[in-house]
Amino acid sequence: MVDAKQTDTVDRLVGLTTADQTYQVRHQRDKVVAATQGSENGLFDPTLDGLTVTERLYVALFACVLTPAPELTKEYAERLIRLGADTEIIDFVSAGALENIQSPRLHTILKFTHTLITDPVKADRQALLALPQAGLSTPEVVTLAQLIAFVSYQVRLVAGLMAMKALEKSA
């Protein structure tokens, strides 16, 4: 259960407080709120084997750029900066300039992210096979797919809650 005094990422980005009707609606299912934050915590846990936390944050940033989801884009860019990630790469990812990314591994990861977000039908066997060729293990490929799915869910959740909050304010 999420402590009412402690906001999670989604509540913080949407600007929800316990006084908001949208907050009350969202927290009717605190189990879902806790699972959403728990999924985020797990997917970005620095101790998670495989993809580095920096790689995972680049994926999240790029997925949010592609969607677009400005609040989440800013969130993930700030996390990368706090981690000391290369600001030039952050800028390339933010601009969708994958051709400027020199790391074949990161380039392939982000290219797959682009495909899965913008044209999921093309995320076929050939697209998946490019990942191990770039050095990703099977568990890393699974984590990548889970991460992209989670960020896609997170984007929709934030957008929906922001729309609800806007309606709440206009009522």
N, C-alpha and C. Protein backbone atom coordinates (compact mmCIF):
# COMPACT_ATOMS: atom_id res chain seq x y z
N MET A 1 0.85 -1.18 0.00
CA MET A 1 0.00 0.00 0.00
C MET A 1 0.89 1.24 0.00
N VAL A 2 0.53 2.23 -0.80
CA VAL A 2 1.29 3.46 -0.87
C VAL A 2 0.88 4.36 0.28
N ASP A 3 1.84 4.81 1.06
CA ASP A 3 1.59 5.73 2.17
C ASP A 3 1.07 7.05 1.61
N ALA A 4 0.00 7.57 2.17
CA ALA A 4 -0.61 8.81 1.67
C ALA A 4 0.36 9.98 1.76
N LYS A 5 1.32 9.92 2.67
CA LYS A 5 2.29 11.01 2.82
C LYS A 5 3.42 10.91 1.79
N GLN A 6 3.56 9.77 1.18
CA GLN A 6 4.64 9.53 0.22
C GLN A 6 4.03 9.40 -1.17
N THR A 7 4.38 10.31 -2.07
CA THR A 7 3.83 10.22 -3.42
C THR A 7 4.75 9.37 -4.28
N ASP A 8 4.17 8.70 -5.20
CA ASP A 8 4.96 7.93 -6.15
C ASP A 8 5.26 8.79 -7.38
N THR A 9 6.00 8.25 -8.32
CA THR A 9 6.40 9.01 -9.50
C THR A 9 5.21 9.56 -10.24
N VAL A 10 4.21 8.74 -10.47
CA VAL A 10 3.04 9.17 -11.24
C VAL A 10 2.31 10.30 -10.51
N ASP A 11 2.06 10.12 -9.21
CA ASP A 11 1.38 11.17 -8.45
C ASP A 11 2.20 12.47 -8.50
N ARG A 12 3.50 12.35 -8.34
CA ARG A 12 4.37 13.54 -8.35
C ARG A 12 4.33 14.25 -9.69
N LEU A 13 4.45 13.50 -10.79
CA LEU A 13 4.47 14.12 -12.12
C LEU A 13 3.13 14.75 -12.49
N VAL A 14 2.05 14.13 -12.07
CA VAL A 14 0.73 14.65 -12.38
C VAL A 14 0.37 15.79 -11.41
N GLY A 15 1.08 15.85 -10.29
CA GLY A 15 0.79 16.88 -9.29
C GLY A 15 -0.39 16.54 -8.42
N LEU A 16 -0.60 15.25 -8.19
CA LEU A 16 -1.73 14.81 -7.37
C LEU A 16 -1.41 14.93 -5.89
N THR A 17 -2.38 15.39 -5.15
CA THR A 17 -2.30 15.41 -3.69
C THR A 17 -3.52 14.70 -3.14
N THR A 18 -3.48 14.40 -1.87
CA THR A 18 -4.60 13.67 -1.25
C THR A 18 -5.90 14.46 -1.32
N ALA A 19 -5.81 15.77 -1.54
CA ALA A 19 -7.01 16.60 -1.64
C ALA A 19 -7.69 16.50 -3.01
N ASP A 20 -6.99 15.97 -4.00
CA ASP A 20 -7.53 15.90 -5.36
C ASP A 20 -8.48 14.72 -5.53
N GLN A 21 -9.58 14.96 -6.22
CA GLN A 21 -10.52 13.88 -6.52
C GLN A 21 -9.83 12.82 -7.39
N THR A 22 -9.00 13.26 -8.32
CA THR A 22 -8.28 12.31 -9.19
C THR A 22 -7.37 11.41 -8.36
N TYR A 23 -6.73 11.97 -7.34
CA TYR A 23 -5.91 11.17 -6.43
C TYR A 23 -6.78 10.12 -5.75
N GLN A 24 -7.94 10.55 -5.25
CA GLN A 24 -8.83 9.63 -4.55
C GLN A 24 -9.27 8.48 -5.45
N VAL A 25 -9.61 8.81 -6.69
CA VAL A 25 -10.02 7.78 -7.65
C VAL A 25 -8.87 6.82 -7.90
N ARG A 26 -7.69 7.36 -8.14
CA ARG A 26 -6.52 6.50 -8.43
C ARG A 26 -6.21 5.60 -7.25
N HIS A 27 -6.32 6.11 -6.05
CA HIS A 27 -5.92 5.35 -4.87
C HIS A 27 -7.03 4.46 -4.32
N GLN A 28 -8.16 4.39 -5.02
CA GLN A 28 -9.18 3.41 -4.63
C GLN A 28 -8.61 2.00 -4.79
N ARG A 29 -7.67 1.87 -5.70
CA ARG A 29 -7.00 0.58 -5.92
C ARG A 29 -5.52 0.77 -5.59
N ASP A 30 -5.23 0.96 -4.30
CA ASP A 30 -3.85 1.19 -3.87
C ASP A 30 -2.92 0.06 -4.27
N LYS A 31 -3.50 -1.13 -4.42
CA LYS A 31 -2.68 -2.27 -4.84
C LYS A 31 -2.10 -2.02 -6.24
N VAL A 32 -2.89 -1.41 -7.12
CA VAL A 32 -2.43 -1.09 -8.48
C VAL A 32 -1.39 0.03 -8.43
N VAL A 33 -1.64 1.03 -7.58
CA VAL A 33 -0.69 2.13 -7.42
C VAL A 33 0.65 1.58 -6.95
N ALA A 34 0.61 0.73 -5.93
CA ALA A 34 1.84 0.14 -5.39
C ALA A 34 2.53 -0.75 -6.43
N ALA A 35 1.76 -1.50 -7.19
CA ALA A 35 2.36 -2.38 -8.22
C ALA A 35 3.00 -1.56 -9.33
N THR A 36 2.38 -0.43 -9.69
CA THR A 36 2.97 0.43 -10.72
C THR A 36 4.30 0.97 -10.24
N GLN A 37 4.34 1.52 -9.03
CA GLN A 37 5.59 2.05 -8.50
C GLN A 37 6.60 0.93 -8.27
N GLY A 38 6.12 -0.22 -7.83
CA GLY A 38 7.01 -1.36 -7.62
C GLY A 38 7.64 -1.84 -8.92
N SER A 39 6.86 -1.82 -9.99
CA SER A 39 7.41 -2.20 -11.30
C SER A 39 8.49 -1.21 -11.73
N GLU A 40 8.21 0.07 -11.54
CA GLU A 40 9.22 1.08 -11.88
C GLU A 40 10.48 0.88 -11.05
N ASN A 41 10.31 0.70 -9.75
CA ASN A 41 11.47 0.50 -8.88
C ASN A 41 12.29 -0.71 -9.32
N GLY A 42 11.60 -1.79 -9.67
CA GLY A 42 12.29 -3.00 -10.08
C GLY A 42 13.01 -2.84 -11.42
N LEU A 43 12.34 -2.21 -12.37
CA LEU A 43 12.95 -2.06 -13.70
C LEU A 43 14.13 -1.09 -13.71
N PHE A 44 14.16 -0.17 -12.76
CA PHE A 44 15.27 0.79 -12.71
C PHE A 44 16.19 0.56 -11.52
N ASP A 45 16.08 -0.62 -10.92
CA ASP A 45 16.96 -0.98 -9.81
C ASP A 45 18.39 -1.13 -10.32
N PRO A 46 19.33 -0.37 -9.77
CA PRO A 46 20.72 -0.46 -10.23
C PRO A 46 21.35 -1.84 -10.05
N THR A 47 20.77 -2.64 -9.16
CA THR A 47 21.34 -3.97 -8.94
C THR A 47 20.78 -5.02 -9.90
N LEU A 48 19.82 -4.63 -10.73
CA LEU A 48 19.26 -5.56 -11.71
C LEU A 48 20.34 -5.94 -12.71
N ASP A 49 20.54 -7.23 -12.88
CA ASP A 49 21.55 -7.71 -13.82
C ASP A 49 21.14 -7.40 -15.25
N GLY A 50 22.14 -7.34 -16.11
CA GLY A 50 21.88 -7.19 -17.54
C GLY A 50 22.06 -5.77 -18.00
N LEU A 51 21.00 -5.23 -18.60
CA LEU A 51 21.07 -3.85 -19.08
C LEU A 51 21.47 -2.94 -17.93
N THR A 52 22.36 -2.01 -18.20
CA THR A 52 22.74 -1.08 -17.15
C THR A 52 21.57 -0.15 -16.87
N VAL A 53 21.57 0.45 -15.69
CA VAL A 53 20.50 1.39 -15.37
C VAL A 53 20.54 2.57 -16.35
N THR A 54 21.72 2.95 -16.79
CA THR A 54 21.83 4.03 -17.77
C THR A 54 21.19 3.62 -19.09
N GLU A 55 21.46 2.41 -19.56
CA GLU A 55 20.80 1.93 -20.79
C GLU A 55 19.29 1.93 -20.62
N ARG A 56 18.81 1.48 -19.47
CA ARG A 56 17.37 1.42 -19.23
C ARG A 56 16.77 2.83 -19.23
N LEU A 57 17.49 3.77 -18.66
CA LEU A 57 16.98 5.15 -18.64
C LEU A 57 17.01 5.78 -20.03
N TYR A 58 18.02 5.44 -20.85
CA TYR A 58 18.01 5.93 -22.23
C TYR A 58 16.80 5.38 -22.99
N VAL A 59 16.48 4.12 -22.77
CA VAL A 59 15.31 3.51 -23.40
C VAL A 59 14.05 4.25 -22.96
N ALA A 60 13.91 4.47 -21.66
CA ALA A 60 12.72 5.16 -21.15
C ALA A 60 12.63 6.57 -21.71
N LEU A 61 13.75 7.27 -21.73
CA LEU A 61 13.77 8.62 -22.29
C LEU A 61 13.32 8.61 -23.74
N PHE A 62 13.89 7.71 -24.53
CA PHE A 62 13.56 7.66 -25.96
C PHE A 62 12.10 7.28 -26.19
N ALA A 63 11.60 6.33 -25.41
CA ALA A 63 10.19 5.94 -25.53
C ALA A 63 9.28 7.13 -25.25
N CYS A 64 9.65 7.94 -24.28
CA CYS A 64 8.84 9.12 -23.94
C CYS A 64 8.97 10.22 -24.98
N VAL A 65 10.13 10.34 -25.59
CA VAL A 65 10.32 11.30 -26.68
C VAL A 65 9.45 10.91 -27.87
N LEU A 66 9.43 9.62 -28.18
CA LEU A 66 8.68 9.14 -29.34
C LEU A 66 7.18 9.26 -29.15
N THR A 67 6.70 9.20 -27.93
CA THR A 67 5.27 9.09 -27.69
C THR A 67 4.46 10.33 -28.08
N PRO A 68 4.71 11.54 -27.84
CA PRO A 68 5.59 12.18 -26.86
C PRO A 68 4.91 12.33 -25.49
N ALA A 69 5.74 12.35 -24.45
CA ALA A 69 5.28 12.52 -23.08
C ALA A 69 6.25 13.45 -22.37
N PRO A 70 6.01 14.76 -22.47
CA PRO A 70 6.99 15.74 -21.97
C PRO A 70 7.35 15.60 -20.49
N GLU A 71 6.36 15.32 -19.63
CA GLU A 71 6.66 15.21 -18.20
C GLU A 71 7.59 14.03 -17.93
N LEU A 72 7.31 12.92 -18.56
CA LEU A 72 8.16 11.74 -18.37
C LEU A 72 9.50 11.90 -19.08
N THR A 73 9.52 12.57 -20.22
CA THR A 73 10.78 12.84 -20.92
C THR A 73 11.72 13.60 -19.99
N LYS A 74 11.18 14.65 -19.39
CA LYS A 74 11.98 15.46 -18.45
C LYS A 74 12.44 14.62 -17.26
N GLU A 75 11.55 13.82 -16.72
CA GLU A 75 11.88 12.96 -15.58
C GLU A 75 13.06 12.04 -15.89
N TYR A 76 12.99 11.35 -17.02
CA TYR A 76 14.05 10.40 -17.34
C TYR A 76 15.35 11.09 -17.73
N ALA A 77 15.26 12.24 -18.37
CA ALA A 77 16.48 13.01 -18.69
C ALA A 77 17.15 13.46 -17.40
N GLU A 78 16.37 13.92 -16.44
CA GLU A 78 16.94 14.36 -15.16
C GLU A 78 17.58 13.20 -14.40
N ARG A 79 16.97 12.03 -14.47
CA ARG A 79 17.57 10.86 -13.81
C ARG A 79 18.91 10.52 -14.45
N LEU A 80 18.98 10.60 -15.77
CA LEU A 80 20.25 10.34 -16.46
C LEU A 80 21.30 11.35 -16.05
N ILE A 81 20.92 12.60 -15.98
CA ILE A 81 21.87 13.65 -15.57
C ILE A 81 22.36 13.39 -14.15
N ARG A 82 21.44 13.04 -13.24
CA ARG A 82 21.84 12.75 -11.85
C ARG A 82 22.80 11.57 -11.78
N LEU A 83 22.65 10.63 -12.71
CA LEU A 83 23.54 9.46 -12.74
C LEU A 83 24.90 9.80 -13.34
N GLY A 84 25.01 10.97 -13.95
CA GLY A 84 26.27 11.35 -14.59
C GLY A 84 26.40 10.82 -16.00
N ALA A 85 25.26 10.52 -16.64
CA ALA A 85 25.29 10.01 -18.02
C ALA A 85 25.83 11.09 -18.96
N ASP A 86 26.31 10.67 -20.08
CA ASP A 86 26.87 11.56 -21.09
C ASP A 86 25.78 12.49 -21.62
N THR A 87 25.95 13.79 -21.40
CA THR A 87 24.91 14.75 -21.81
C THR A 87 24.77 14.81 -23.33
N GLU A 88 25.83 14.53 -24.04
CA GLU A 88 25.73 14.52 -25.51
C GLU A 88 24.81 13.39 -25.96
N ILE A 89 24.94 12.22 -25.34
CA ILE A 89 24.06 11.10 -25.69
C ILE A 89 22.62 11.42 -25.28
N ILE A 90 22.44 12.04 -24.12
CA ILE A 90 21.10 12.45 -23.70
C ILE A 90 20.49 13.36 -24.76
N ASP A 91 21.28 14.30 -25.25
CA ASP A 91 20.80 15.22 -26.29
C ASP A 91 20.47 14.48 -27.58
N PHE A 92 21.32 13.52 -27.98
CA PHE A 92 21.05 12.74 -29.20
C PHE A 92 19.74 11.96 -29.06
N VAL A 93 19.58 11.31 -27.90
CA VAL A 93 18.37 10.52 -27.67
C VAL A 93 17.16 11.44 -27.65
N SER A 94 17.27 12.56 -26.98
CA SER A 94 16.16 13.52 -26.89
C SER A 94 15.76 14.06 -28.25
N ALA A 95 16.73 14.16 -29.16
CA ALA A 95 16.47 14.66 -30.51
C ALA A 95 16.13 13.54 -31.49
N GLY A 96 16.20 12.30 -31.04
CA GLY A 96 15.95 11.17 -31.93
C GLY A 96 17.06 10.97 -32.94
N ALA A 97 18.24 11.46 -32.64
CA ALA A 97 19.38 11.40 -33.56
C ALA A 97 20.21 10.15 -33.29
N LEU A 98 19.60 9.00 -33.51
CA LEU A 98 20.27 7.73 -33.23
C LEU A 98 21.53 7.54 -34.05
N GLU A 99 21.57 8.13 -35.25
CA GLU A 99 22.74 7.98 -36.11
C GLU A 99 24.00 8.54 -35.47
N ASN A 100 23.86 9.39 -34.46
CA ASN A 100 25.02 9.99 -33.79
C ASN A 100 25.51 9.15 -32.60
N ILE A 101 24.80 8.10 -32.27
CA ILE A 101 25.19 7.26 -31.14
C ILE A 101 26.21 6.24 -31.61
N GLN A 102 27.40 6.33 -31.04
CA GLN A 102 28.52 5.52 -31.50
C GLN A 102 28.50 4.08 -30.98
N SER A 103 27.90 3.85 -29.84
CA SER A 103 27.85 2.51 -29.26
C SER A 103 26.90 1.63 -30.08
N PRO A 104 27.43 0.57 -30.74
CA PRO A 104 26.52 -0.30 -31.50
C PRO A 104 25.44 -0.93 -30.62
N ARG A 105 25.80 -1.27 -29.39
CA ARG A 105 24.85 -1.89 -28.47
C ARG A 105 23.70 -0.92 -28.17
N LEU A 106 24.03 0.30 -27.74
CA LEU A 106 23.00 1.27 -27.40
C LEU A 106 22.20 1.67 -28.64
N HIS A 107 22.87 1.81 -29.76
CA HIS A 107 22.18 2.16 -31.00
C HIS A 107 21.13 1.09 -31.34
N THR A 108 21.51 -0.17 -31.22
CA THR A 108 20.59 -1.27 -31.53
C THR A 108 19.44 -1.31 -30.54
N ILE A 109 19.73 -1.10 -29.26
CA ILE A 109 18.68 -1.08 -28.23
C ILE A 109 17.67 0.01 -28.55
N LEU A 110 18.16 1.19 -28.88
CA LEU A 110 17.27 2.32 -29.16
C LEU A 110 16.54 2.15 -30.48
N LYS A 111 17.18 1.54 -31.45
CA LYS A 111 16.51 1.27 -32.72
C LYS A 111 15.34 0.30 -32.49
N PHE A 112 15.56 -0.71 -31.66
CA PHE A 112 14.49 -1.65 -31.34
C PHE A 112 13.37 -0.92 -30.59
N THR A 113 13.74 -0.04 -29.67
CA THR A 113 12.75 0.76 -28.93
C THR A 113 11.91 1.56 -29.91
N HIS A 114 12.57 2.20 -30.86
CA HIS A 114 11.87 2.99 -31.88
C HIS A 114 10.87 2.12 -32.65
N THR A 115 11.32 0.97 -33.06
CA THR A 115 10.46 0.06 -33.82
C THR A 115 9.26 -0.38 -32.99
N LEU A 116 9.51 -0.78 -31.76
CA LEU A 116 8.42 -1.29 -30.92
C LEU A 116 7.41 -0.19 -30.57
N ILE A 117 7.87 1.04 -30.42
CA ILE A 117 6.97 2.14 -30.08
C ILE A 117 6.22 2.65 -31.32
N THR A 118 6.92 2.80 -32.44
CA THR A 118 6.32 3.47 -33.59
C THR A 118 5.69 2.53 -34.62
N ASP A 119 6.18 1.30 -34.69
CA ASP A 119 5.66 0.35 -35.68
C ASP A 119 5.82 -1.07 -35.16
N PRO A 120 5.04 -1.43 -34.13
CA PRO A 120 5.23 -2.72 -33.45
C PRO A 120 5.16 -3.94 -34.36
N VAL A 121 4.46 -3.84 -35.47
CA VAL A 121 4.38 -4.98 -36.40
C VAL A 121 5.77 -5.33 -36.93
N LYS A 122 6.62 -4.33 -37.06
CA LYS A 122 7.99 -4.57 -37.56
C LYS A 122 8.94 -5.08 -36.48
N ALA A 123 8.47 -5.18 -35.24
CA ALA A 123 9.29 -5.73 -34.17
C ALA A 123 9.20 -7.25 -34.22
N ASP A 124 9.60 -7.79 -35.35
CA ASP A 124 9.47 -9.20 -35.65
C ASP A 124 10.74 -9.96 -35.29
N ARG A 125 10.81 -11.17 -35.79
CA ARG A 125 11.96 -12.04 -35.52
C ARG A 125 13.27 -11.37 -35.92
N GLN A 126 13.31 -10.75 -37.07
CA GLN A 126 14.53 -10.09 -37.55
C GLN A 126 14.96 -8.96 -36.60
N ALA A 127 14.01 -8.17 -36.15
CA ALA A 127 14.32 -7.08 -35.21
C ALA A 127 14.83 -7.64 -33.89
N LEU A 128 14.21 -8.73 -33.43
CA LEU A 128 14.66 -9.35 -32.19
C LEU A 128 16.05 -9.96 -32.32
N LEU A 129 16.34 -10.57 -33.46
CA LEU A 129 17.64 -11.21 -33.65
C LEU A 129 18.78 -10.20 -33.72
N ALA A 130 18.47 -8.95 -34.03
CA ALA A 130 19.51 -7.91 -34.05
C ALA A 130 20.03 -7.64 -32.64
N LEU A 131 19.20 -7.89 -31.64
CA LEU A 131 19.61 -7.59 -30.26
C LEU A 131 20.73 -8.51 -29.78
N PRO A 132 20.61 -9.83 -29.91
CA PRO A 132 21.74 -10.69 -29.50
C PRO A 132 23.00 -10.42 -30.35
N GLN A 133 22.81 -10.05 -31.61
CA GLN A 133 23.95 -9.73 -32.45
C GLN A 133 24.69 -8.50 -31.94
N ALA A 134 23.99 -7.64 -31.20
CA ALA A 134 24.60 -6.44 -30.61
C ALA A 134 25.13 -6.72 -29.20
N GLY A 135 25.04 -7.98 -28.78
CA GLY A 135 25.60 -8.37 -27.50
C GLY A 135 24.62 -8.51 -26.36
N LEU A 136 23.33 -8.45 -26.63
CA LEU A 136 22.35 -8.60 -25.56
C LEU A 136 22.05 -10.08 -25.32
N SER A 137 21.99 -10.45 -24.06
CA SER A 137 21.62 -11.82 -23.69
C SER A 137 20.10 -11.94 -23.76
N THR A 138 19.61 -13.17 -23.70
CA THR A 138 18.17 -13.39 -23.70
C THR A 138 17.49 -12.68 -22.52
N PRO A 139 18.03 -12.77 -21.29
CA PRO A 139 17.40 -12.02 -20.20
C PRO A 139 17.39 -10.50 -20.44
N GLU A 140 18.42 -9.97 -21.08
CA GLU A 140 18.45 -8.54 -21.38
C GLU A 140 17.38 -8.17 -22.41
N VAL A 141 17.16 -9.03 -23.38
CA VAL A 141 16.11 -8.79 -24.38
C VAL A 141 14.74 -8.78 -23.69
N VAL A 142 14.53 -9.72 -22.78
CA VAL A 142 13.27 -9.78 -22.04
C VAL A 142 13.09 -8.51 -21.21
N THR A 143 14.14 -8.11 -20.51
CA THR A 143 14.07 -6.87 -19.70
C THR A 143 13.77 -5.68 -20.58
N LEU A 144 14.40 -5.60 -21.74
CA LEU A 144 14.15 -4.49 -22.67
C LEU A 144 12.68 -4.44 -23.08
N ALA A 145 12.13 -5.57 -23.45
CA ALA A 145 10.72 -5.62 -23.86
C ALA A 145 9.81 -5.24 -22.70
N GLN A 146 10.11 -5.74 -21.50
CA GLN A 146 9.31 -5.39 -20.32
C GLN A 146 9.39 -3.90 -20.03
N LEU A 147 10.57 -3.35 -20.16
CA LEU A 147 10.78 -1.93 -19.89
C LEU A 147 9.98 -1.06 -20.86
N ILE A 148 10.05 -1.39 -22.14
CA ILE A 148 9.30 -0.63 -23.15
C ILE A 148 7.80 -0.73 -22.87
N ALA A 149 7.34 -1.91 -22.52
CA ALA A 149 5.91 -2.09 -22.20
C ALA A 149 5.53 -1.27 -20.97
N PHE A 150 6.38 -1.30 -19.95
CA PHE A 150 6.07 -0.55 -18.73
C PHE A 150 6.02 0.95 -19.01
N VAL A 151 7.00 1.48 -19.72
CA VAL A 151 7.03 2.92 -20.00
C VAL A 151 5.81 3.31 -20.85
N SER A 152 5.41 2.46 -21.78
CA SER A 152 4.21 2.73 -22.57
C SER A 152 2.98 2.82 -21.67
N TYR A 153 2.88 1.93 -20.71
CA TYR A 153 1.79 1.96 -19.72
C TYR A 153 1.87 3.23 -18.89
N GLN A 154 3.07 3.55 -18.41
CA GLN A 154 3.28 4.72 -17.57
C GLN A 154 2.88 6.01 -18.31
N VAL A 155 3.24 6.09 -19.58
CA VAL A 155 2.89 7.25 -20.40
C VAL A 155 1.37 7.41 -20.49
N ARG A 156 0.69 6.32 -20.77
CA ARG A 156 -0.78 6.38 -20.88
C ARG A 156 -1.43 6.73 -19.54
N LEU A 157 -0.88 6.17 -18.47
CA LEU A 157 -1.42 6.44 -17.14
C LEU A 157 -1.27 7.92 -16.79
N VAL A 158 -0.08 8.47 -16.99
CA VAL A 158 0.15 9.89 -16.69
C VAL A 158 -0.76 10.77 -17.55
N ALA A 159 -0.86 10.47 -18.84
CA ALA A 159 -1.71 11.27 -19.73
C ALA A 159 -3.17 11.22 -19.29
N GLY A 160 -3.64 10.05 -18.95
CA GLY A 160 -5.02 9.90 -18.51
C GLY A 160 -5.30 10.64 -17.20
N LEU A 161 -4.38 10.52 -16.26
CA LEU A 161 -4.56 11.21 -14.98
C LEU A 161 -4.47 12.72 -15.14
N MET A 162 -3.60 13.17 -16.03
CA MET A 162 -3.51 14.62 -16.28
C MET A 162 -4.82 15.14 -16.89
N ALA A 163 -5.41 14.35 -17.78
CA ALA A 163 -6.69 14.75 -18.37
C ALA A 163 -7.78 14.78 -17.30
N MET A 164 -7.79 13.79 -16.43
CA MET A 164 -8.78 13.75 -15.35
C MET A 164 -8.61 14.95 -14.41
N LYS A 165 -7.37 15.24 -14.08
CA LYS A 165 -7.10 16.37 -13.19
C LYS A 165 -7.53 17.70 -13.84
N ALA A 166 -7.28 17.84 -15.13
CA ALA A 166 -7.70 19.05 -15.85
C ALA A 166 -9.22 19.19 -15.81
N LEU A 167 -9.92 18.08 -15.99
CA LEU A 167 -11.39 18.12 -15.92
C LEU A 167 -11.86 18.47 -14.51
N GLU A 168 -11.16 17.93 -13.54
CA GLU A 168 -11.49 18.21 -12.14
C GLU A 168 -11.37 19.71 -11.86
N LYS A 169 -10.32 20.32 -12.36
CA LYS A 169 -10.09 21.75 -12.14
C LYS A 169 -11.15 22.61 -12.87
N SER A 170 -11.59 22.14 -14.03
CA SER A 170 -12.54 22.94 -14.81
C SER A 170 -13.98 22.78 -14.33
N ALA A 171 -14.19 21.79 -13.49
CA ALA A 171 -15.57 21.53 -13.02
C ALA A 171 -15.96 22.47 -11.90
